């Protein structure tokens, strides 16, 4: 999940540095926000799986 967040930040930064239109920057930012929100709700709903099997 961290990789997705950093990838989204990188994509947003690249869109800003390449001076893309405001629509592209906001589109990337909002899509990453929605994806992170959905992953977080899935992660919280799944419950912790802390059992170790050796």
PDB file of N, CA and C in Angstrom:
ATOM      1  N   UNK A   1       0.825  -1.181   0.000  1.00  0.00           N
ATOM      2  CA  UNK A   1       0.000   0.000   0.000  1.00  0.00           C
ATOM      3  C   UNK A   1       0.874   1.252   0.000  1.00  0.00           C
ATOM      4  N   UNK A   2       1.995   1.198   0.714  1.00  0.00           N
ATOM      5  CA  UNK A   2       2.897   2.348   0.726  1.00  0.00           C
ATOM      6  C   UNK A   2       3.440   2.639  -0.664  1.00  0.00           C
ATOM      7  N   UNK A   3       3.707   1.584  -1.420  1.00  0.00           N
ATOM      8  CA  UNK A   3       4.228   1.766  -2.773  1.00  0.00           C
ATOM      9  C   UNK A   3       3.214   2.495  -3.641  1.00  0.00           C
ATOM     10  N   UNK A   4       1.936   2.176  -3.475  1.00  0.00           N
ATOM     11  CA  UNK A   4       0.894   2.849  -4.246  1.00  0.00           C
ATOM     12  C   UNK A   4       0.820   4.327  -3.874  1.00  0.00           C
ATOM     13  N   UNK A   5       0.921   4.632  -2.588  1.00  0.00           N
ATOM     14  CA  UNK A   5       0.865   6.022  -2.149  1.00  0.00           C
ATOM     15  C   UNK A   5       2.039   6.808  -2.718  1.00  0.00           C
ATOM     16  N   UNK A   6       3.257   6.252  -2.594  1.00  0.00           N
ATOM     17  CA  UNK A   6       4.418   6.955  -3.124  1.00  0.00           C
ATOM     18  C   UNK A   6       4.381   7.040  -4.640  1.00  0.00           C
ATOM     19  N   UNK A   7       3.860   6.021  -5.299  1.00  0.00           N
ATOM     20  CA  UNK A   7       3.706   6.074  -6.746  1.00  0.00           C
ATOM     21  C   UNK A   7       2.731   7.167  -7.166  1.00  0.00           C
ATOM     22  N   UNK A   8       1.661   7.318  -6.414  1.00  0.00           N
ATOM     23  CA  UNK A   8       0.697   8.383  -6.700  1.00  0.00           C
ATOM     24  C   UNK A   8       1.277   9.760  -6.470  1.00  0.00           C
ATOM     25  N   UNK A   9       2.067   9.898  -5.406  1.00  0.00           N
ATOM     26  CA  UNK A   9       2.740  11.173  -5.168  1.00  0.00           C
ATOM     27  C   UNK A   9       3.736  11.486  -6.280  1.00  0.00           C
ATOM     28  N   UNK A  10       4.454  10.458  -6.734  1.00  0.00           N
ATOM     29  CA  UNK A  10       5.397  10.644  -7.831  1.00  0.00           C
ATOM     30  C   UNK A  10       4.676  11.035  -9.117  1.00  0.00           C
ATOM     31  N   UNK A  11       3.569  10.379  -9.415  1.00  0.00           N
ATOM     32  CA  UNK A  11       2.808  10.712 -10.620  1.00  0.00           C
ATOM     33  C   UNK A  11       2.271  12.144 -10.555  1.00  0.00           C
ATOM     34  N   UNK A  12       1.812  12.555  -9.379  1.00  0.00           N
ATOM     35  CA  UNK A  12       1.322  13.924  -9.220  1.00  0.00           C
ATOM     36  C   UNK A  12       2.464  14.920  -9.377  1.00  0.00           C
ATOM     37  N   UNK A  13       3.621  14.610  -8.772  1.00  0.00           N
ATOM     38  CA  UNK A  13       4.770  15.503  -8.882  1.00  0.00           C
ATOM     39  C   UNK A  13       5.235  15.625 -10.333  1.00  0.00           C
ATOM     40  N   UNK A  14       5.254  14.502 -11.059  1.00  0.00           N
ATOM     41  CA  UNK A  14       5.654  14.548 -12.463  1.00  0.00           C
ATOM     42  C   UNK A  14       4.676  15.375 -13.293  1.00  0.00           C
ATOM     43  N   UNK A  15       3.390  15.266 -12.981  1.00  0.00           N
ATOM     44  CA  UNK A  15       2.394  16.060 -13.712  1.00  0.00           C
ATOM     45  C   UNK A  15       2.593  17.547 -13.438  1.00  0.00           C
ATOM     46  N   UNK A  16       2.948  17.885 -12.202  1.00  0.00           N
ATOM     47  CA  UNK A  16       3.177  19.291 -11.870  1.00  0.00           C
ATOM     48  C   UNK A  16       4.465  19.780 -12.528  1.00  0.00           C
ATOM     49  N   UNK A  17       5.538  18.987 -12.449  1.00  0.00           N
ATOM     50  CA  UNK A  17       6.832  19.399 -13.013  1.00  0.00           C
ATOM     51  C   UNK A  17       6.786  19.513 -14.533  1.00  0.00           C
ATOM     52  N   UNK A  18       5.989  18.700 -15.174  1.00  0.00           N
ATOM     53  CA  UNK A  18       5.863  18.779 -16.635  1.00  0.00           C
ATOM     54  C   UNK A  18       4.885  19.861 -17.065  1.00  0.00           C
ATOM     55  N   UNK A  19       4.369  20.568 -16.082  1.00  0.00           N
ATOM     56  CA  UNK A  19       3.426  21.666 -16.313  1.00  0.00           C
ATOM     57  C   UNK A  19       2.210  21.195 -17.101  1.00  0.00           C
ATOM     58  N   UNK A  20       1.676  20.063 -16.653  1.00  0.00           N
ATOM     59  CA  UNK A  20       0.455  19.535 -17.272  1.00  0.00           C
ATOM     60  C   UNK A  20      -0.716  20.445 -16.889  1.00  0.00           C
ATOM     61  N   UNK A  21      -1.806  20.251 -17.548  1.00  0.00           N
ATOM     62  CA  UNK A  21      -2.963  21.088 -17.260  1.00  0.00           C
ATOM     63  C   UNK A  21      -3.485  20.804 -15.849  1.00  0.00           C
ATOM     64  N   UNK A  22      -4.202  21.729 -15.340  1.00  0.00           N
ATOM     65  CA  UNK A  22      -4.762  21.599 -13.990  1.00  0.00           C
ATOM     66  C   UNK A  22      -5.686  20.389 -13.908  1.00  0.00           C
ATOM     67  N   UNK A  23      -6.381  20.094 -14.991  1.00  0.00           N
ATOM     68  CA  UNK A  23      -7.282  18.945 -15.019  1.00  0.00           C
ATOM     69  C   UNK A  23      -6.525  17.636 -14.827  1.00  0.00           C
ATOM     70  N   UNK A  24      -5.367  17.503 -15.456  1.00  0.00           N
ATOM     71  CA  UNK A  24      -4.563  16.283 -15.323  1.00  0.00           C
ATOM     72  C   UNK A  24      -4.050  16.142 -13.897  1.00  0.00           C
ATOM     73  N   UNK A  25      -3.517  17.230 -13.337  1.00  0.00           N
ATOM     74  CA  UNK A  25      -2.981  17.181 -11.974  1.00  0.00           C
ATOM     75  C   UNK A  25      -4.074  16.824 -10.984  1.00  0.00           C
ATOM     76  N   UNK A  26      -5.206  17.486 -11.085  1.00  0.00           N
ATOM     77  CA  UNK A  26      -6.310  17.186 -10.167  1.00  0.00           C
ATOM     78  C   UNK A  26      -6.876  15.791 -10.393  1.00  0.00           C
ATOM     79  N   UNK A  27      -6.896  15.340 -11.632  1.00  0.00           N
ATOM     80  CA  UNK A  27      -7.372  13.988 -11.924  1.00  0.00           C
ATOM     81  C   UNK A  27      -6.497  12.927 -11.291  1.00  0.00           C
ATOM     82  N   UNK A  28      -5.176  13.101 -11.420  1.00  0.00           N
ATOM     83  CA  UNK A  28      -4.246  12.144 -10.799  1.00  0.00           C
ATOM     84  C   UNK A  28      -4.392  12.183  -9.284  1.00  0.00           C
ATOM     85  N   UNK A  29      -4.461  13.383  -8.730  1.00  0.00           N
ATOM     86  CA  UNK A  29      -4.539  13.523  -7.272  1.00  0.00           C
ATOM     87  C   UNK A  29      -5.819  12.894  -6.721  1.00  0.00           C
ATOM     88  N   UNK A  30      -6.960  13.193  -7.335  1.00  0.00           N
ATOM     89  CA  UNK A  30      -8.233  12.652  -6.852  1.00  0.00           C
ATOM     90  C   UNK A  30      -8.311  11.139  -7.042  1.00  0.00           C
ATOM     91  N   UNK A  31      -7.805  10.634  -8.149  1.00  0.00           N
ATOM     92  CA  UNK A  31      -7.848   9.190  -8.351  1.00  0.00           C
ATOM     93  C   UNK A  31      -6.983   8.474  -7.313  1.00  0.00           C
ATOM     94  N   UNK A  32      -5.829   9.007  -6.997  1.00  0.00           N
ATOM     95  CA  UNK A  32      -4.980   8.393  -5.978  1.00  0.00           C
ATOM     96  C   UNK A  32      -5.639   8.484  -4.599  1.00  0.00           C
ATOM     97  N   UNK A  33      -6.283   9.592  -4.308  1.00  0.00           N
ATOM     98  CA  UNK A  33      -6.974   9.729  -3.025  1.00  0.00           C
ATOM     99  C   UNK A  33      -8.078   8.682  -2.890  1.00  0.00           C
ATOM    100  N   UNK A  34      -8.833   8.462  -3.945  1.00  0.00           N
ATOM    101  CA  UNK A  34      -9.915   7.470  -3.909  1.00  0.00           C
ATOM    102  C   UNK A  34      -9.357   6.055  -3.771  1.00  0.00           C
ATOM    103  N   UNK A  35      -8.294   5.755  -4.515  1.00  0.00           N
ATOM    104  CA  UNK A  35      -7.694   4.420  -4.429  1.00  0.00           C
ATOM    105  C   UNK A  35      -7.138   4.155  -3.037  1.00  0.00           C
ATOM    106  N   UNK A  36      -6.457   5.133  -2.465  1.00  0.00           N
ATOM    107  CA  UNK A  36      -5.909   4.971  -1.111  1.00  0.00           C
ATOM    108  C   UNK A  36      -7.037   4.813  -0.104  1.00  0.00           C
ATOM    109  N   UNK A  37      -8.123   5.564  -0.251  1.00  0.00           N
ATOM    110  CA  UNK A  37      -9.264   5.440   0.657  1.00  0.00           C
ATOM    111  C   UNK A  37      -9.880   4.045   0.576  1.00  0.00           C
ATOM    112  N   UNK A  38     -10.040   3.526  -0.643  1.00  0.00           N
ATOM    113  CA  UNK A  38     -10.609   2.182  -0.793  1.00  0.00           C
ATOM    114  C   UNK A  38      -9.690   1.109  -0.215  1.00  0.00           C
ATOM    115  N   UNK A  39      -8.389   1.240  -0.444  1.00  0.00           N
ATOM    116  CA  UNK A  39      -7.452   0.271   0.132  1.00  0.00           C
ATOM    117  C   UNK A  39      -7.441   0.345   1.657  1.00  0.00           C
ATOM    118  N   UNK A  40      -7.544   1.555   2.203  1.00  0.00           N
ATOM    119  CA  UNK A  40      -7.543   1.706   3.649  1.00  0.00           C
ATOM    120  C   UNK A  40      -8.798   1.090   4.257  1.00  0.00           C
ATOM    121  N   UNK A  41      -9.953   1.269   3.637  1.00  0.00           N
ATOM    122  CA  UNK A  41     -11.166   0.653   4.175  1.00  0.00           C
ATOM    123  C   UNK A  41     -11.085  -0.869   4.090  1.00  0.00           C
ATOM    124  N   UNK A  42     -10.483  -1.394   3.032  1.00  0.00           N
ATOM    125  CA  UNK A  42     -10.296  -2.837   2.917  1.00  0.00           C
ATOM    126  C   UNK A  42      -9.327  -3.329   3.994  1.00  0.00           C
ATOM    127  N   UNK A  43      -8.273  -2.587   4.214  1.00  0.00           N
ATOM    128  CA  UNK A  43      -7.263  -2.971   5.196  1.00  0.00           C
ATOM    129  C   UNK A  43      -7.843  -2.963   6.613  1.00  0.00           C
ATOM    130  N   UNK A  44      -8.642  -1.950   6.928  1.00  0.00           N
ATOM    131  CA  UNK A  44      -9.237  -1.851   8.262  1.00  0.00           C
ATOM    132  C   UNK A  44     -10.297  -2.926   8.452  1.00  0.00           C
ATOM    133  N   UNK A  45     -11.094  -3.197   7.427  1.00  0.00           N
ATOM    134  CA  UNK A  45     -12.174  -4.175   7.542  1.00  0.00           C
ATOM    135  C   UNK A  45     -11.649  -5.606   7.609  1.00  0.00           C
ATOM    136  N   UNK A  46     -10.453  -5.858   7.057  1.00  0.00           N
ATOM    137  CA  UNK A  46      -9.918  -7.209   7.032  1.00  0.00           C
ATOM    138  C   UNK A  46      -9.469  -7.676   8.416  1.00  0.00           C
ATOM    139  N   UNK A  47      -9.146  -6.750   9.291  1.00  0.00           N
ATOM    140  CA  UNK A  47      -8.692  -7.114  10.630  1.00  0.00           C
ATOM    141  C   UNK A  47      -7.235  -7.537  10.617  1.00  0.00           C
ATOM    142  N   UNK A  48      -6.613  -7.408  11.764  1.00  0.00           N
ATOM    143  CA  UNK A  48      -5.183  -7.752  11.818  1.00  0.00           C
ATOM    144  C   UNK A  48      -4.963  -9.265  11.766  1.00  0.00           C
ATOM    145  N   UNK A  49      -4.029  -9.657  10.976  1.00  0.00           N
ATOM    146  CA  UNK A  49      -3.650 -11.068  10.888  1.00  0.00           C
ATOM    147  C   UNK A  49      -2.211 -11.161  11.417  1.00  0.00           C
ATOM    148  N   UNK A  50      -2.085 -11.327  12.717  1.00  0.00           N
ATOM    149  CA  UNK A  50      -0.771 -11.286  13.345  1.00  0.00           C
ATOM    150  C   UNK A  50      -0.274 -12.654  13.777  1.00  0.00           C
ATOM    151  N   UNK A  51      -0.925 -13.718  13.321  1.00  0.00           N
ATOM    152  CA  UNK A  51      -0.501 -15.069  13.694  1.00  0.00           C
ATOM    153  C   UNK A  51       0.722 -15.460  12.864  1.00  0.00           C
ATOM    154  N   UNK A  52       1.731 -15.943  13.537  1.00  0.00           N
ATOM    155  CA  UNK A  52       2.929 -16.370  12.851  1.00  0.00           C
ATOM    156  C   UNK A  52       2.943 -17.890  12.750  1.00  0.00           C
ATOM    157  N   UNK A  53       3.265 -18.394  11.587  1.00  0.00           N
ATOM    158  CA  UNK A  53       3.353 -19.847  11.385  1.00  0.00           C
ATOM    159  C   UNK A  53       4.765 -20.182  10.996  1.00  0.00           C
ATOM    160  N   UNK A  54       5.345 -21.086  11.737  1.00  0.00           N
ATOM    161  CA  UNK A  54       6.718 -21.504  11.435  1.00  0.00           C
ATOM    162  C   UNK A  54       6.734 -22.912  10.917  1.00  0.00           C
TER     163      UNK A  54
END
